[in-house]
Every structure is written in C-alpha cells, then in structure tokens.
Amino acid sequence: MGRKPLVVTATFLNIIFLAGIPLAPNIQVAFVLALIAGFSYSIMDSGTFPALIEAFPKNSGSATVLLKAFMLQYRRSV
C-alpha cells in the first residue's frame, strides 16, 4: 500500500476540516469537523513519521521530535 495513500487521505480530510469549520452552522457540525481533523492528524503521522525516520536514520529521534514540534505549532495556529 505504501505511505502515499495515507498522506493523500490525510490531506483530503484536512481540506474538509479547513473548508468546513468556518461554514459550520452549529456546534455539532463543528464537533464532527474537529473529529475529522483529529483523524487527519493521526493518519498524517502514520504516513510521515516512517518516511522521516528513513530520511534521517542516524538522527531519527531528533527528527521526529522536531517534526512533532512543528506540527504542534501548526495545530495551535489553526
């Protein structure tokens, strides 16, 4: 299967969240969209972390910590 379908799926789900959240008519719809965003982040992690570990085999621990720091900063800005 590979990692590409996971990353594409996560990106698609994130687009749904980002497009839908400003248009959410009530809190229930916003809650469902937030759940979709959570699924998106989890799927993205499962696709990107193995690729990052392969890209930096000698410093994989530092690379994953750095990626998580960037992802946390992104999530706070959304």
C-alpha atoms as a PDB file:
ATOM      1  CA  MET A   1       0.000   0.000   0.000  1.00  0.00           C
ATOM      2  CA  GLY A   2       2.735   2.473   0.879  1.00  0.00           C
ATOM      3  CA  ARG A   3       2.631   5.821   2.587  1.00  0.00           C
ATOM      4  CA  LYS A   4       1.372   7.982  -0.249  1.00  0.00           C
ATOM      5  CA  PRO A   5      -2.329   6.977   0.092  1.00  0.00           C
ATOM      6  CA  LEU A   6      -2.169   7.794   3.803  1.00  0.00           C
ATOM      7  CA  VAL A   7      -0.718  11.245   3.199  1.00  0.00           C
ATOM      8  CA  VAL A   8      -3.202  11.974   0.388  1.00  0.00           C
ATOM      9  CA  THR A   9      -6.142  10.825   2.541  1.00  0.00           C
ATOM     10  CA  ALA A  10      -4.964  12.931   5.473  1.00  0.00           C
ATOM     11  CA  THR A  11      -4.570  15.965   3.237  1.00  0.00           C
ATOM     12  CA  PHE A  12      -8.065  15.492   1.825  1.00  0.00           C
ATOM     13  CA  LEU A  13      -9.561  15.198   5.325  1.00  0.00           C
ATOM     14  CA  ASN A  14      -7.670  18.280   6.464  1.00  0.00           C
ATOM     15  CA  ILE A  15      -9.061  20.235   3.491  1.00  0.00           C
ATOM     16  CA  ILE A  16     -12.577  19.171   4.504  1.00  0.00           C
ATOM     17  CA  PHE A  17     -11.923  20.428   8.030  1.00  0.00           C
ATOM     18  CA  LEU A  18     -10.354  23.723   6.986  1.00  0.00           C
ATOM     19  CA  ALA A  19     -13.086  24.465   4.446  1.00  0.00           C
ATOM     20  CA  GLY A  20     -15.937  23.329   6.673  1.00  0.00           C
ATOM     21  CA  ILE A  21     -15.118  24.840  10.033  1.00  0.00           C
ATOM     22  CA  PRO A  22     -15.787  28.474   9.036  1.00  0.00           C
ATOM     23  CA  LEU A  23     -19.055  27.378   7.413  1.00  0.00           C
ATOM     24  CA  ALA A  24     -20.269  25.203  10.296  1.00  0.00           C
ATOM     25  CA  PRO A  25     -23.842  26.239  11.111  1.00  0.00           C
ATOM     26  CA  ASN A  26     -23.784  24.885  14.670  1.00  0.00           C
ATOM     27  CA  ILE A  27     -21.574  23.353  17.334  1.00  0.00           C
ATOM     28  CA  GLN A  28     -22.495  19.776  16.410  1.00  0.00           C
ATOM     29  CA  VAL A  29     -21.193  20.164  12.868  1.00  0.00           C
ATOM     30  CA  ALA A  30     -18.068  21.887  14.189  1.00  0.00           C
ATOM     31  CA  PHE A  31     -17.539  18.972  16.576  1.00  0.00           C
ATOM     32  CA  VAL A  32     -17.753  16.429  13.756  1.00  0.00           C
ATOM     33  CA  LEU A  33     -15.312  18.503  11.719  1.00  0.00           C
ATOM     34  CA  ALA A  34     -12.943  18.595  14.695  1.00  0.00           C
ATOM     35  CA  LEU A  35     -13.102  14.803  14.861  1.00  0.00           C
ATOM     36  CA  ILE A  36     -12.256  14.665  11.157  1.00  0.00           C
ATOM     37  CA  ALA A  37      -9.250  16.906  11.843  1.00  0.00           C
ATOM     38  CA  GLY A  38      -8.103  14.552  14.593  1.00  0.00           C
ATOM     39  CA  PHE A  39      -8.358  11.582  12.250  1.00  0.00           C
ATOM     40  CA  SER A  40      -6.463  13.566   9.648  1.00  0.00           C
ATOM     41  CA  TYR A  41      -3.572  14.319  12.012  1.00  0.00           C
ATOM     42  CA  SER A  42      -3.346  10.696  13.115  1.00  0.00           C
ATOM     43  CA  ILE A  43      -3.320   9.411   9.557  1.00  0.00           C
ATOM     44  CA  MET A  44      -0.733  12.017   8.581  1.00  0.00           C
ATOM     45  CA  ASP A  45       1.511  10.918  11.462  1.00  0.00           C
ATOM     46  CA  SER A  46       1.370   7.292  10.361  1.00  0.00           C
ATOM     47  CA  GLY A  47       2.423   8.306   6.852  1.00  0.00           C
ATOM     48  CA  THR A  48       5.094  10.885   7.590  1.00  0.00           C
ATOM     49  CA  PHE A  49       6.944   9.538  10.620  1.00  0.00           C
ATOM     50  CA  PRO A  50       8.270   6.391   8.886  1.00  0.00           C
ATOM     51  CA  ALA A  51       9.394   8.493   5.920  1.00  0.00           C
ATOM     52  CA  LEU A  52      11.184  10.889   8.244  1.00  0.00           C
ATOM     53  CA  ILE A  53      12.915   8.053  10.077  1.00  0.00           C
ATOM     54  CA  GLU A  54      14.122   6.644   6.749  1.00  0.00           C
ATOM     55  CA  ALA A  55      15.335  10.064   5.622  1.00  0.00           C
ATOM     56  CA  PHE A  56      17.372  10.638   8.804  1.00  0.00           C
ATOM     57  CA  PRO A  57      18.475   7.178  10.017  1.00  0.00           C
ATOM     58  CA  LYS A  58      21.275   8.469  12.261  1.00  0.00           C
ATOM     59  CA  ASN A  59      19.194  11.212  13.908  1.00  0.00           C
ATOM     60  CA  SER A  60      15.696   9.743  13.689  1.00  0.00           C
ATOM     61  CA  GLY A  61      14.824  10.578  17.307  1.00  0.00           C
ATOM     62  CA  SER A  62      15.731  14.245  16.917  1.00  0.00           C
ATOM     63  CA  ALA A  63      13.954  14.453  13.573  1.00  0.00           C
ATOM     64  CA  THR A  64      10.675  13.082  14.943  1.00  0.00           C
ATOM     65  CA  VAL A  65      10.787  15.447  17.921  1.00  0.00           C
ATOM     66  CA  LEU A  66      11.382  18.375  15.564  1.00  0.00           C
ATOM     67  CA  LEU A  67       8.503  17.290  13.315  1.00  0.00           C
ATOM     68  CA  LYS A  68       6.162  16.993  16.295  1.00  0.00           C
ATOM     69  CA  ALA A  69       7.154  20.486  17.457  1.00  0.00           C
ATOM     70  CA  PHE A  70       6.320  21.927  14.037  1.00  0.00           C
ATOM     71  CA  MET A  71       3.015  20.046  13.958  1.00  0.00           C
ATOM     72  CA  LEU A  72       2.040  21.340  17.396  1.00  0.00           C
ATOM     73  CA  GLN A  73       2.801  24.889  16.299  1.00  0.00           C
ATOM     74  CA  TYR A  74       0.677  24.386  13.161  1.00  0.00           C
ATOM     75  CA  ARG A  75      -2.235  22.982  15.168  1.00  0.00           C
ATOM     76  CA  ARG A  76      -2.149  25.967  17.519  1.00  0.00           C
ATOM     77  CA  SER A  77      -2.297  28.385  14.601  1.00  0.00           C
ATOM     78  CA  VAL A  78      -5.391  26.764  13.050  1.00  0.00           C
END
